[in-house]
Amino acid sequence: AVRQVRAQGVDLRLILAGAPDADSPAAIPQATLTAWAAEPGIE
């Protein structure tokens, strides 16, 4: 959704907070979070 909004030219910045929960199979892996943070407007 954030990528779609940014592709429309809207200056939307995303701040992600929190660490992955190692005990949760649904947790977003740290490598994925790191890759997302490398995208423009994502921290």
ModelCIF file with pLDDT and N, C-alpha, C, O atoms, coordinates in Angstrom:
data_MODEL
#
_entry.id   MODEL 
#
_entity.id                         1 
_entity.type                       polymer 
_entity.pdbx_number_of_molecules   1 
#
_entity_poly.entity_id                      1 
_entity_poly.type                           'polypeptide(L)' 
_entity_poly.nstd_linkage                   no 
_entity_poly.nstd_monomer                   no 
_entity_poly.pdbx_seq_one_letter_code       AVRQVRAQGVDLRLILAGAPDADSPAAIPQATLTAWAAEPGIE 
_entity_poly.pdbx_seq_one_letter_code_can   AVRQVRAQGVDLRLILAGAPDADSPAAIPQATLTAWAAEPGIE 
_entity_poly.pdbx_strand_id                 A 
#
loop_
_entity_poly_seq.entity_id 
_entity_poly_seq.num 
_entity_poly_seq.mon_id 
_entity_poly_seq.hetero 
1 1  ALA n 
1 2  VAL n 
1 3  ARG n 
1 4  GLN n 
1 5  VAL n 
1 6  ARG n 
1 7  ALA n 
1 8  GLN n 
1 9  GLY n 
1 10 VAL n 
1 11 ASP n 
1 12 LEU n 
1 13 ARG n 
1 14 LEU n 
1 15 ILE n 
1 16 LEU n 
1 17 ALA n 
1 18 GLY n 
1 19 ALA n 
1 20 PRO n 
1 21 ASP n 
1 22 ALA n 
1 23 ASP n 
1 24 SER n 
1 25 PRO n 
1 26 ALA n 
1 27 ALA n 
1 28 ILE n 
1 29 PRO n 
1 30 GLN n 
1 31 ALA n 
1 32 THR n 
1 33 LEU n 
1 34 THR n 
1 35 ALA n 
1 36 TRP n 
1 37 ALA n 
1 38 ALA n 
1 39 GLU n 
1 40 PRO n 
1 41 GLY n 
1 42 ILE n 
1 43 GLU n 
#
_struct_asym.id          A 
_struct_asym.entity_id   1 
#
loop_
_ma_qa_metric.id 
_ma_qa_metric.mode 
_ma_qa_metric.name 
_ma_qa_metric.software_group_id 
_ma_qa_metric.type 
1 global pLDDT . pLDDT 
2 local  pLDDT . pLDDT 
#
_ma_qa_metric_global.metric_id      1 
_ma_qa_metric_global.metric_value   95.51 
_ma_qa_metric_global.model_id       1 
_ma_qa_metric_global.ordinal_id     1 
#
loop_
_ma_qa_metric_local.label_asym_id 
_ma_qa_metric_local.label_comp_id 
_ma_qa_metric_local.label_seq_id 
_ma_qa_metric_local.metric_id 
_ma_qa_metric_local.metric_value 
_ma_qa_metric_local.model_id 
_ma_qa_metric_local.ordinal_id 
A ALA 1  2 97.00 1 1  
A VAL 2  2 97.00 1 2  
A ARG 3  2 97.00 1 3  
A GLN 4  2 97.00 1 4  
A VAL 5  2 98.00 1 5  
A ARG 6  2 97.00 1 6  
A ALA 7  2 97.00 1 7  
A GLN 8  2 97.00 1 8  
A GLY 9  2 97.00 1 9  
A VAL 10 2 97.00 1 10 
A ASP 11 2 94.00 1 11 
A LEU 12 2 96.00 1 12 
A ARG 13 2 97.00 1 13 
A LEU 14 2 97.00 1 14 
A ILE 15 2 98.00 1 15 
A LEU 16 2 97.00 1 16 
A ALA 17 2 96.00 1 17 
A GLY 18 2 94.00 1 18 
A ALA 19 2 95.00 1 19 
A PRO 20 2 94.00 1 20 
A ASP 21 2 92.00 1 21 
A ALA 22 2 89.00 1 22 
A ASP 23 2 93.00 1 23 
A SER 24 2 90.00 1 24 
A PRO 25 2 90.00 1 25 
A ALA 26 2 86.00 1 26 
A ALA 27 2 92.00 1 27 
A ILE 28 2 94.00 1 28 
A PRO 29 2 95.00 1 29 
A GLN 30 2 95.00 1 30 
A ALA 31 2 96.00 1 31 
A THR 32 2 97.00 1 32 
A LEU 33 2 97.00 1 33 
A THR 34 2 97.00 1 34 
A ALA 35 2 98.00 1 35 
A TRP 36 2 98.00 1 36 
A ALA 37 2 98.00 1 37 
A ALA 38 2 98.00 1 38 
A GLU 39 2 97.00 1 39 
A PRO 40 2 95.00 1 40 
A GLY 41 2 96.00 1 41 
A ILE 42 2 97.00 1 42 
A GLU 43 2 98.00 1 43 
#
loop_
_atom_site.group_PDB 
_atom_site.id 
_atom_site.type_symbol 
_atom_site.label_atom_id 
_atom_site.label_alt_id 
_atom_site.label_comp_id 
_atom_site.label_asym_id 
_atom_site.label_entity_id 
_atom_site.label_seq_id 
_atom_site.pdbx_PDB_ins_code 
_atom_site.Cartn_x 
_atom_site.Cartn_y 
_atom_site.Cartn_z 
_atom_site.occupancy 
_atom_site.B_iso_or_equiv 
_atom_site.pdbx_formal_charge 
_atom_site.auth_seq_id 
_atom_site.auth_comp_id 
_atom_site.auth_asym_id 
_atom_site.auth_atom_id 
_atom_site.pdbx_PDB_model_num 
ATOM 1   N N  . ALA A 1 1  ? 0.833  -1.206  0.000  1.00 97.00 ? 1  ALA A N  1 
ATOM 2   C CA . ALA A 1 1  ? 0.000  0.000   0.000  1.00 97.00 ? 1  ALA A CA 1 
ATOM 3   C C  . ALA A 1 1  ? 0.868  1.256   0.000  1.00 97.00 ? 1  ALA A C  1 
ATOM 4   O O  . ALA A 1 1  ? 0.580  2.202   -0.733 1.00 97.00 ? 1  ALA A O  1 
ATOM 5   N N  . VAL A 1 2  ? 1.905  1.278   0.797  1.00 97.00 ? 2  VAL A N  1 
ATOM 6   C CA . VAL A 1 2  ? 2.796  2.441   0.851  1.00 97.00 ? 2  VAL A CA 1 
ATOM 7   C C  . VAL A 1 2  ? 3.472  2.642   -0.500 1.00 97.00 ? 2  VAL A C  1 
ATOM 8   O O  . VAL A 1 2  ? 3.584  3.770   -0.980 1.00 97.00 ? 2  VAL A O  1 
ATOM 9   N N  . ARG A 1 3  ? 3.914  1.569   -1.099 1.00 97.00 ? 3  ARG A N  1 
ATOM 10  C CA . ARG A 1 3  ? 4.543  1.676   -2.426 1.00 97.00 ? 3  ARG A CA 1 
ATOM 11  C C  . ARG A 1 3  ? 3.560  2.249   -3.445 1.00 97.00 ? 3  ARG A C  1 
ATOM 12  O O  . ARG A 1 3  ? 3.945  3.071   -4.276 1.00 97.00 ? 3  ARG A O  1 
ATOM 13  N N  . GLN A 1 4  ? 2.299  1.824   -3.391 1.00 97.00 ? 4  GLN A N  1 
ATOM 14  C CA . GLN A 1 4  ? 1.287  2.348   -4.322 1.00 97.00 ? 4  GLN A CA 1 
ATOM 15  C C  . GLN A 1 4  ? 1.085  3.845   -4.122 1.00 97.00 ? 4  GLN A C  1 
ATOM 16  O O  . GLN A 1 4  ? 1.017  4.601   -5.091 1.00 97.00 ? 4  GLN A O  1 
ATOM 17  N N  . VAL A 1 5  ? 0.990  4.270   -2.870 1.00 98.00 ? 5  VAL A N  1 
ATOM 18  C CA . VAL A 1 5  ? 0.768  5.688   -2.579 1.00 98.00 ? 5  VAL A CA 1 
ATOM 19  C C  . VAL A 1 5  ? 1.967  6.514   -3.054 1.00 98.00 ? 5  VAL A C  1 
ATOM 20  O O  . VAL A 1 5  ? 1.795  7.567   -3.668 1.00 98.00 ? 5  VAL A O  1 
ATOM 21  N N  . ARG A 1 6  ? 3.164  6.039   -2.772 1.00 97.00 ? 6  ARG A N  1 
ATOM 22  C CA . ARG A 1 6  ? 4.366  6.761   -3.200 1.00 97.00 ? 6  ARG A CA 1 
ATOM 23  C C  . ARG A 1 6  ? 4.467  6.796   -4.723 1.00 97.00 ? 6  ARG A C  1 
ATOM 24  O O  . ARG A 1 6  ? 4.939  7.785   -5.284 1.00 97.00 ? 6  ARG A O  1 
ATOM 25  N N  . ALA A 1 7  ? 4.031  5.732   -5.402 1.00 97.00 ? 7  ALA A N  1 
ATOM 26  C CA . ALA A 1 7  ? 4.057  5.694   -6.872 1.00 97.00 ? 7  ALA A CA 1 
ATOM 27  C C  . ALA A 1 7  ? 3.107  6.732   -7.473 1.00 97.00 ? 7  ALA A C  1 
ATOM 28  O O  . ALA A 1 7  ? 3.289  7.160   -8.613 1.00 97.00 ? 7  ALA A O  1 
ATOM 29  N N  . GLN A 1 8  ? 2.086  7.135   -6.696 1.00 97.00 ? 8  GLN A N  1 
ATOM 30  C CA . GLN A 1 8  ? 1.151  8.173   -7.139 1.00 97.00 ? 8  GLN A CA 1 
ATOM 31  C C  . GLN A 1 8  ? 1.728  9.571   -6.942 1.00 97.00 ? 8  GLN A C  1 
ATOM 32  O O  . GLN A 1 8  ? 1.091  10.565  -7.290 1.00 97.00 ? 8  GLN A O  1 
ATOM 33  N N  . GLY A 1 9  ? 2.927  9.645   -6.386 1.00 97.00 ? 9  GLY A N  1 
ATOM 34  C CA . GLY A 1 9  ? 3.568  10.932  -6.174 1.00 97.00 ? 9  GLY A CA 1 
ATOM 35  C C  . GLY A 1 9  ? 3.282  11.567  -4.830 1.00 97.00 ? 9  GLY A C  1 
ATOM 36  O O  . GLY A 1 9  ? 3.657  12.717  -4.600 1.00 97.00 ? 9  GLY A O  1 
ATOM 37  N N  . VAL A 1 10 ? 2.626  10.843  -3.939 1.00 97.00 ? 10 VAL A N  1 
ATOM 38  C CA . VAL A 1 10 ? 2.326  11.356  -2.608 1.00 97.00 ? 10 VAL A CA 1 
ATOM 39  C C  . VAL A 1 10 ? 3.562  11.157  -1.727 1.00 97.00 ? 10 VAL A C  1 
ATOM 40  O O  . VAL A 1 10 ? 4.129  10.065  -1.675 1.00 97.00 ? 10 VAL A O  1 
ATOM 41  N N  . ASP A 1 11 ? 3.967  12.213  -1.043 1.00 94.00 ? 11 ASP A N  1 
ATOM 42  C CA . ASP A 1 11 ? 5.149  12.146  -0.187 1.00 94.00 ? 11 ASP A CA 1 
ATOM 43  C C  . ASP A 1 11 ? 4.773  11.505  1.151  1.00 94.00 ? 11 ASP A C  1 
ATOM 44  O O  . ASP A 1 11 ? 4.665  12.183  2.173  1.00 94.00 ? 11 ASP A O  1 
ATOM 45  N N  . LEU A 1 12 ? 4.580  10.211  1.120  1.00 96.00 ? 12 LEU A N  1 
ATOM 46  C CA . LEU A 1 12 ? 4.244  9.445   2.311  1.00 96.00 ? 12 LEU A CA 1 
ATOM 47  C C  . LEU A 1 12 ? 5.508  8.754   2.796  1.00 96.00 ? 12 LEU A C  1 
ATOM 48  O O  . LEU A 1 12 ? 6.165  8.028   2.050  1.00 96.00 ? 12 LEU A O  1 
ATOM 49  N N  . ARG A 1 13 ? 5.834  8.994   4.053  1.00 97.00 ? 13 ARG A N  1 
ATOM 50  C CA . ARG A 1 13 ? 6.996  8.339   4.653  1.00 97.00 ? 13 ARG A CA 1 
ATOM 51  C C  . ARG A 1 13 ? 6.502  7.367   5.709  1.00 97.00 ? 13 ARG A C  1 
ATOM 52  O O  . ARG A 1 13 ? 5.548  7.647   6.435  1.00 97.00 ? 13 ARG A O  1 
ATOM 53  N N  . LEU A 1 14 ? 7.157  6.234   5.783  1.00 97.00 ? 14 LEU A N  1 
ATOM 54  C CA . LEU A 1 14 ? 6.744  5.172   6.695  1.00 97.00 ? 14 LEU A CA 1 
ATOM 55  C C  . LEU A 1 14 ? 7.830  4.942   7.733  1.00 97.00 ? 14 LEU A C  1 
ATOM 56  O O  . LEU A 1 14 ? 9.002  4.759   7.406  1.00 97.00 ? 14 LEU A O  1 
ATOM 57  N N  . ILE A 1 15 ? 7.404  4.957   9.004  1.00 98.00 ? 15 ILE A N  1 
ATOM 58  C CA . ILE A 1 15 ? 8.300  4.619   10.105 1.00 98.00 ? 15 ILE A CA 1 
ATOM 59  C C  . ILE A 1 15 ? 7.828  3.280   10.650 1.00 98.00 ? 15 ILE A C  1 
ATOM 60  O O  . ILE A 1 15 ? 6.701  3.162   11.130 1.00 98.00 ? 15 ILE A O  1 
ATOM 61  N N  . LEU A 1 16 ? 8.681  2.282   10.577 1.00 97.00 ? 16 LEU A N  1 
ATOM 62  C CA . LEU A 1 16 ? 8.386  0.967   11.135 1.00 97.00 ? 16 LEU A CA 1 
ATOM 63  C C  . LEU A 1 16 ? 9.030  0.881   12.505 1.00 97.00 ? 16 LEU A C  1 
ATOM 64  O O  . LEU A 1 16 ? 10.208 1.205   12.657 1.00 97.00 ? 16 LEU A O  1 
ATOM 65  N N  . ALA A 1 17 ? 8.275  0.450   13.500 1.00 96.00 ? 17 ALA A N  1 
ATOM 66  C CA . ALA A 1 17 ? 8.815  0.347   14.855 1.00 96.00 ? 17 ALA A CA 1 
ATOM 67  C C  . ALA A 1 17 ? 8.584  -1.056  15.380 1.00 96.00 ? 17 ALA A C  1 
ATOM 68  O O  . ALA A 1 17 ? 7.518  -1.639  15.181 1.00 96.00 ? 17 ALA A O  1 
ATOM 69  N N  . GLY A 1 18 ? 9.587  -1.592  16.049 1.00 94.00 ? 18 GLY A N  1 
ATOM 70  C CA . GLY A 1 18 ? 9.477  -2.906  16.659 1.00 94.00 ? 18 GLY A CA 1 
ATOM 71  C C  . GLY A 1 18 ? 10.472 -3.880  16.073 1.00 94.00 ? 18 GLY A C  1 
ATOM 72  O O  . GLY A 1 18 ? 10.925 -3.744  14.936 1.00 94.00 ? 18 GLY A O  1 
ATOM 73  N N  . ALA A 1 19 ? 10.794 -4.856  16.878 1.00 95.00 ? 19 ALA A N  1 
ATOM 74  C CA . ALA A 1 19 ? 11.720 -5.910  16.460 1.00 95.00 ? 19 ALA A CA 1 
ATOM 75  C C  . ALA A 1 19 ? 10.927 -7.159  16.121 1.00 95.00 ? 19 ALA A C  1 
ATOM 76  O O  . ALA A 1 19 ? 9.839  -7.364  16.660 1.00 95.00 ? 19 ALA A O  1 
ATOM 77  N N  . PRO A 1 20 ? 11.452 -8.000  15.234 1.00 94.00 ? 20 PRO A N  1 
ATOM 78  C CA . PRO A 1 20 ? 10.750 -9.250  14.915 1.00 94.00 ? 20 PRO A CA 1 
ATOM 79  C C  . PRO A 1 20 ? 10.600 -10.130 16.159 1.00 94.00 ? 20 PRO A C  1 
ATOM 80  O O  . PRO A 1 20 ? 11.494 -10.192 17.003 1.00 94.00 ? 20 PRO A O  1 
ATOM 81  N N  . ASP A 1 21 ? 9.473  -10.797 16.253 1.00 92.00 ? 21 ASP A N  1 
ATOM 82  C CA . ASP A 1 21 ? 9.207  -11.716 17.354 1.00 92.00 ? 21 ASP A CA 1 
ATOM 83  C C  . ASP A 1 21 ? 9.685  -13.101 16.942 1.00 92.00 ? 21 ASP A C  1 
ATOM 84  O O  . ASP A 1 21 ? 9.058  -13.761 16.113 1.00 92.00 ? 21 ASP A O  1 
ATOM 85  N N  . ALA A 1 22 ? 10.792 -13.536 17.521 1.00 89.00 ? 22 ALA A N  1 
ATOM 86  C CA . ALA A 1 22 ? 11.403 -14.818 17.144 1.00 89.00 ? 22 ALA A CA 1 
ATOM 87  C C  . ALA A 1 22 ? 10.478 -15.999 17.406 1.00 89.00 ? 22 ALA A C  1 
ATOM 88  O O  . ALA A 1 22 ? 10.629 -17.050 16.783 1.00 89.00 ? 22 ALA A O  1 
ATOM 89  N N  . ASP A 1 23 ? 9.522  -15.844 18.319 1.00 93.00 ? 23 ASP A N  1 
ATOM 90  C CA . ASP A 1 23 ? 8.610  -16.942 18.653 1.00 93.00 ? 23 ASP A CA 1 
ATOM 91  C C  . ASP A 1 23 ? 7.376  -16.999 17.759 1.00 93.00 ? 23 ASP A C  1 
ATOM 92  O O  . ASP A 1 23 ? 6.580  -17.932 17.867 1.00 93.00 ? 23 ASP A O  1 
ATOM 93  N N  . SER A 1 24 ? 7.209  -16.021 16.885 1.00 90.00 ? 24 SER A N  1 
ATOM 94  C CA . SER A 1 24 ? 6.014  -15.967 16.041 1.00 90.00 ? 24 SER A CA 1 
ATOM 95  C C  . SER A 1 24 ? 6.340  -16.369 14.606 1.00 90.00 ? 24 SER A C  1 
ATOM 96  O O  . SER A 1 24 ? 7.205  -15.766 13.969 1.00 90.00 ? 24 SER A O  1 
ATOM 97  N N  . PRO A 1 25 ? 5.648  -17.387 14.100 1.00 90.00 ? 25 PRO A N  1 
ATOM 98  C CA . PRO A 1 25 ? 5.868  -17.772 12.706 1.00 90.00 ? 25 PRO A CA 1 
ATOM 99  C C  . PRO A 1 25 ? 5.368  -16.705 11.721 1.00 90.00 ? 25 PRO A C  1 
ATOM 100 O O  . PRO A 1 25 ? 5.751  -16.718 10.551 1.00 90.00 ? 25 PRO A O  1 
ATOM 101 N N  . ALA A 1 26 ? 4.526  -15.794 12.182 1.00 86.00 ? 26 ALA A N  1 
ATOM 102 C CA . ALA A 1 26 ? 3.990  -14.737 11.315 1.00 86.00 ? 26 ALA A CA 1 
ATOM 103 C C  . ALA A 1 26 ? 4.860  -13.479 11.328 1.00 86.00 ? 26 ALA A C  1 
ATOM 104 O O  . ALA A 1 26 ? 4.570  -12.520 10.613 1.00 86.00 ? 26 ALA A O  1 
ATOM 105 N N  . ALA A 1 27 ? 5.917  -13.475 12.129 1.00 92.00 ? 27 ALA A N  1 
ATOM 106 C CA . ALA A 1 27 ? 6.769  -12.284 12.235 1.00 92.00 ? 27 ALA A CA 1 
ATOM 107 C C  . ALA A 1 27 ? 7.478  -12.006 10.919 1.00 92.00 ? 27 ALA A C  1 
ATOM 108 O O  . ALA A 1 27 ? 7.859  -12.923 10.192 1.00 92.00 ? 27 ALA A O  1 
ATOM 109 N N  . ILE A 1 28 ? 7.645  -10.735 10.632 1.00 94.00 ? 28 ILE A N  1 
ATOM 110 C CA . ILE A 1 28 ? 8.397  -10.325 9.435  1.00 94.00 ? 28 ILE A CA 1 
ATOM 111 C C  . ILE A 1 28 ? 9.876  -10.487 9.756  1.00 94.00 ? 28 ILE A C  1 
ATOM 112 O O  . ILE A 1 28 ? 10.353 -9.935  10.747 1.00 94.00 ? 28 ILE A O  1 
ATOM 113 N N  . PRO A 1 29 ? 10.607 -11.232 8.940  1.00 95.00 ? 29 PRO A N  1 
ATOM 114 C CA . PRO A 1 29 ? 12.028 -11.468 9.230  1.00 95.00 ? 29 PRO A CA 1 
ATOM 115 C C  . PRO A 1 29 ? 12.847 -10.172 9.198  1.00 95.00 ? 29 PRO A C  1 
ATOM 116 O O  . PRO A 1 29 ? 12.528 -9.235  8.465  1.00 95.00 ? 29 PRO A O  1 
ATOM 117 N N  . GLN A 1 30 ? 13.890 -10.142 9.996  1.00 95.00 ? 30 GLN A N  1 
ATOM 118 C CA . GLN A 1 30 ? 14.758 -8.968  10.077 1.00 95.00 ? 30 GLN A CA 1 
ATOM 119 C C  . GLN A 1 30 ? 15.332 -8.611  8.711  1.00 95.00 ? 30 GLN A C  1 
ATOM 120 O O  . GLN A 1 30 ? 15.450 -7.428  8.390  1.00 95.00 ? 30 GLN A O  1 
ATOM 121 N N  . ALA A 1 31 ? 15.691 -9.601  7.902  1.00 96.00 ? 31 ALA A N  1 
ATOM 122 C CA . ALA A 1 31 ? 16.249 -9.326  6.571  1.00 96.00 ? 31 ALA A CA 1 
ATOM 123 C C  . ALA A 1 31 ? 15.242 -8.567  5.702  1.00 96.00 ? 31 ALA A C  1 
ATOM 124 O O  . ALA A 1 31 ? 15.623 -7.687  4.930  1.00 96.00 ? 31 ALA A O  1 
ATOM 125 N N  . THR A 1 32 ? 13.970 -8.907  5.829  1.00 97.00 ? 32 THR A N  1 
ATOM 126 C CA . THR A 1 32 ? 12.922 -8.214  5.065  1.00 97.00 ? 32 THR A CA 1 
ATOM 127 C C  . THR A 1 32 ? 12.782 -6.777  5.550  1.00 97.00 ? 32 THR A C  1 
ATOM 128 O O  . THR A 1 32 ? 12.676 -5.856  4.741  1.00 97.00 ? 32 THR A O  1 
ATOM 129 N N  . LEU A 1 33 ? 12.781 -6.583  6.855  1.00 97.00 ? 33 LEU A N  1 
ATOM 130 C CA . LEU A 1 33 ? 12.677 -5.231  7.412  1.00 97.00 ? 33 LEU A CA 1 
ATOM 131 C C  . LEU A 1 33 ? 13.863 -4.372  6.984  1.00 97.00 ? 33 LEU A C  1 
ATOM 132 O O  . LEU A 1 33 ? 13.704 -3.195  6.663  1.00 97.00 ? 33 LEU A O  1 
ATOM 133 N N  . THR A 1 34 ? 15.041 -4.967  6.983  1.00 97.00 ? 34 THR A N  1 
ATOM 134 C CA . THR A 1 34 ? 16.239 -4.248  6.554  1.00 97.00 ? 34 THR A CA 1 
ATOM 135 C C  . THR A 1 34 ? 16.137 -3.849  5.086  1.00 97.00 ? 34 THR A C  1 
ATOM 136 O O  . THR A 1 34 ? 16.504 -2.734  4.716  1.00 97.00 ? 34 THR A O  1 
ATOM 137 N N  . ALA A 1 35 ? 15.639 -4.755  4.250  1.00 98.00 ? 35 ALA A N  1 
ATOM 138 C CA . ALA A 1 35 ? 15.469 -4.457  2.821  1.00 98.00 ? 35 ALA A CA 1 
ATOM 139 C C  . ALA A 1 35 ? 14.439 -3.348  2.618  1.00 98.00 ? 35 ALA A C  1 
ATOM 140 O O  . ALA A 1 35 ? 14.644 -2.458  1.793  1.00 98.00 ? 35 ALA A O  1 
ATOM 141 N N  . TRP A 1 36 ? 13.352 -3.393  3.353  1.00 98.00 ? 36 TRP A N  1 
ATOM 142 C CA . TRP A 1 36 ? 12.336 -2.342  3.248  1.00 98.00 ? 36 TRP A CA 1 
ATOM 143 C C  . TRP A 1 36 ? 12.923 -0.987  3.643  1.00 98.00 ? 36 TRP A C  1 
ATOM 144 O O  . TRP A 1 36 ? 12.656 0.026   2.996  1.00 98.00 ? 36 TRP A O  1 
ATOM 145 N N  . ALA A 1 37 ? 13.725 -0.978  4.709  1.00 98.00 ? 37 ALA A N  1 
ATOM 146 C CA . ALA A 1 37 ? 14.299 0.269   5.201  1.00 98.00 ? 37 ALA A CA 1 
ATOM 147 C C  . ALA A 1 37 ? 15.272 0.889   4.197  1.00 98.00 ? 37 ALA A C  1 
ATOM 148 O O  . ALA A 1 37 ? 15.591 2.074   4.295  1.00 98.00 ? 37 ALA A O  1 
ATOM 149 N N  . ALA A 1 38 ? 15.735 0.111   3.252  1.00 98.00 ? 38 ALA A N  1 
ATOM 150 C CA . ALA A 1 38 ? 16.632 0.636   2.215  1.00 98.00 ? 38 ALA A CA 1 
ATOM 151 C C  . ALA A 1 38 ? 15.854 1.371   1.122  1.00 98.00 ? 38 ALA A C  1 
ATOM 152 O O  . ALA A 1 38 ? 16.455 2.067   0.304  1.00 98.00 ? 38 ALA A O  1 
ATOM 153 N N  . GLU A 1 39 ? 14.540 1.228   1.097  1.00 97.00 ? 39 GLU A N  1 
ATOM 154 C CA . GLU A 1 39 ? 13.712 1.898   0.094  1.00 97.00 ? 39 GLU A CA 1 
ATOM 155 C C  . GLU A 1 39 ? 13.520 3.364   0.478  1.00 97.00 ? 39 GLU A C  1 
ATOM 156 O O  . GLU A 1 39 ? 13.527 3.702   1.662  1.00 97.00 ? 39 GLU A O  1 
ATOM 157 N N  . PRO A 1 40 ? 13.349 4.230   -0.517 1.00 95.00 ? 40 PRO A N  1 
ATOM 158 C CA . PRO A 1 40 ? 13.127 5.652   -0.226 1.00 95.00 ? 40 PRO A CA 1 
ATOM 159 C C  . PRO A 1 40 ? 11.866 5.856   0.624  1.00 95.00 ? 40 PRO A C  1 
ATOM 160 O O  . PRO A 1 40 ? 10.824 5.250   0.372  1.00 95.00 ? 40 PRO A O  1 
ATOM 161 N N  . GLY A 1 41 ? 11.986 6.719   1.628  1.00 96.00 ? 41 GLY A N  1 
ATOM 162 C CA . GLY A 1 41 ? 10.831 7.065   2.448  1.00 96.00 ? 41 GLY A CA 1 
ATOM 163 C C  . GLY A 1 41 ? 10.479 6.057   3.521  1.00 96.00 ? 41 GLY A C  1 
ATOM 164 O O  . GLY A 1 41 ? 9.463  6.214   4.198  1.00 96.00 ? 41 GLY A O  1 
ATOM 165 N N  . ILE A 1 42 ? 11.300 5.012   3.699  1.00 97.00 ? 42 ILE A N  1 
ATOM 166 C CA . ILE A 1 42 ? 11.016 3.980   4.697  1.00 97.00 ? 42 ILE A CA 1 
ATOM 167 C C  . ILE A 1 42 ? 12.124 3.993   5.747  1.00 97.00 ? 42 ILE A C  1 
ATOM 168 O O  . ILE A 1 42 ? 13.308 3.999   5.410  1.00 97.00 ? 42 ILE A O  1 
ATOM 169 N N  . GLU A 1 43 ? 11.734 3.998   7.014  1.00 98.00 ? 43 GLU A N  1 
ATOM 170 C CA . GLU A 1 43 ? 12.701 3.959   8.105  1.00 98.00 ? 43 GLU A CA 1 
ATOM 171 C C  . GLU A 1 43 ? 12.269 2.876   9.086  1.00 98.00 ? 43 GLU A C  1 
ATOM 172 O O  . GLU A 1 43 ? 12.937 2.657   10.097 1.00 98.00 ? 43 GLU A O  1 
#
